Protein backbone atom coordinates (compact mmCIF):
# COMPACT_ATOMS: atom_id res chain seq x y z
CA UNK A 1 24.79 19.56 10.31
CA UNK A 2 25.98 16.79 8.01
CA UNK A 3 23.51 14.02 7.15
CA UNK A 4 24.56 10.85 5.31
CA UNK A 5 22.16 7.99 4.55
CA UNK A 6 23.39 4.39 4.62
CA UNK A 7 21.45 1.45 3.17
CA UNK A 8 22.78 -1.75 4.73
CA UNK A 9 19.59 -3.75 4.31
CA UNK A 10 21.18 -6.15 1.80
CA UNK A 11 23.58 -7.61 4.36
CA UNK A 12 22.47 -11.11 5.21
CA UNK A 13 24.04 -14.12 6.83
CA UNK A 14 24.55 -15.77 10.16
CA UNK A 15 24.61 -12.55 12.16
CA UNK A 16 21.19 -10.96 12.26
CA UNK A 17 22.42 -8.07 14.35
CA UNK A 18 25.10 -6.89 11.91
CA UNK A 19 23.16 -3.72 11.15
CA UNK A 20 22.81 -2.99 14.88
CA UNK A 21 26.56 -3.46 15.30
CA UNK A 22 27.16 -1.22 12.28
CA UNK A 23 24.97 1.52 13.76
CA UNK A 24 26.90 1.33 17.05
CA UNK A 25 30.22 1.42 15.16
CA UNK A 26 29.19 4.50 13.17
CA UNK A 27 27.92 6.25 16.30
CA UNK A 28 31.20 5.59 18.11
CA UNK A 29 33.41 6.74 15.23
CA UNK A 30 31.43 9.81 14.13
CA UNK A 31 30.29 11.00 17.54
CA UNK A 32 26.90 11.84 16.10
CA UNK A 33 23.39 10.44 16.02
CA UNK A 34 22.66 7.26 14.09
CA UNK A 35 19.10 6.14 13.49
CA UNK A 36 18.57 2.55 12.32
CA UNK A 37 15.38 1.36 10.64
CA UNK A 38 15.76 -2.23 9.34
CA UNK A 39 19.21 -1.57 7.89
CA UNK A 40 18.47 1.90 6.57
CA UNK A 41 20.47 4.34 8.65
CA UNK A 42 20.89 8.08 8.83
CA UNK A 43 24.13 9.44 10.27
CA UNK A 44 23.79 13.00 11.59
CA UNK A 45 26.81 14.83 12.95
CA UNK A 46 27.87 18.34 13.83
CA UNK A 47 31.57 17.52 13.42
CA UNK A 48 33.37 19.11 10.49
CA UNK A 49 35.33 15.97 9.52
CA UNK A 50 32.26 13.78 9.01
CA UNK A 51 31.55 13.67 5.30
CA UNK A 52 30.21 11.09 2.87
CA UNK A 53 33.73 9.96 1.97
CA UNK A 54 34.68 9.47 5.63
CA UNK A 55 31.51 7.44 6.29
CA UNK A 56 32.39 5.27 3.26
CA UNK A 57 35.83 4.61 4.77
CA UNK A 58 34.19 3.65 8.07
CA UNK A 59 31.80 1.28 6.27
CA UNK A 60 34.73 -0.40 4.52
CA UNK A 61 36.57 -0.75 7.85
CA UNK A 62 33.50 -2.33 9.43
CA UNK A 63 33.16 -4.83 6.57
CA UNK A 64 36.84 -5.70 6.89
CA UNK A 65 36.62 -6.23 10.67
CA UNK A 66 33.61 -8.52 10.25
CA UNK A 67 35.28 -10.47 7.37
CA UNK A 68 32.51 -9.36 4.99
CA UNK A 69 34.77 -7.37 2.65
CA UNK A 70 34.99 -10.25 0.16
CA UNK A 71 31.21 -10.57 -0.06
CA UNK A 72 30.03 -6.95 0.09
CA UNK A 73 31.14 -3.57 -1.19
CA UNK A 74 30.19 0.03 -0.51
CA UNK A 75 28.83 2.02 -3.45
CA UNK A 76 27.48 5.54 -3.76
CA UNK A 77 23.78 5.84 -4.33
CA UNK A 78 21.79 9.01 -4.70
CA UNK A 79 23.02 12.28 -3.23
CA UNK A 80 24.43 11.73 0.28
CA UNK A 81 23.49 8.02 0.19
CA UNK A 82 25.81 5.02 0.51
CA UNK A 83 24.69 1.46 -0.14
CA UNK A 84 26.24 -1.85 0.87
CA UNK A 85 25.68 -4.28 -1.98
CA UNK A 86 26.61 -7.90 -2.45
CA UNK A 87 29.55 -8.37 -4.80
CA UNK A 88 28.70 -9.85 -8.19
CA UNK A 89 30.25 -13.21 -8.97
CA UNK A 90 30.53 -14.26 -5.34
CA UNK A 91 28.86 -17.65 -5.07
CA UNK A 92 28.38 -19.61 -1.92
CA UNK A 93 30.82 -22.47 -1.63
CA UNK A 94 29.37 -25.90 -2.25
CA UNK A 95 30.47 -28.88 -0.21
């Protein structure tokens, strides 16, 4: 069984349920179990094609679909952990 941890707790903004949507997206695409605890998720799957690199691709796709790609990026953390961090140098636009 493959187990990949995802830390999406740093996503903030108008949508409070982004992490819930992300968990549903990962569950649909991997066909495995996804547990969500305040943005910290664990993806467990029996499928052979589900690896850390594939989960990273899925996270990037999700950010792109939600128009968050310019504000956030996916980085590798500890072993089998991926984190979604805010991009440096991205300031909120002032009116």
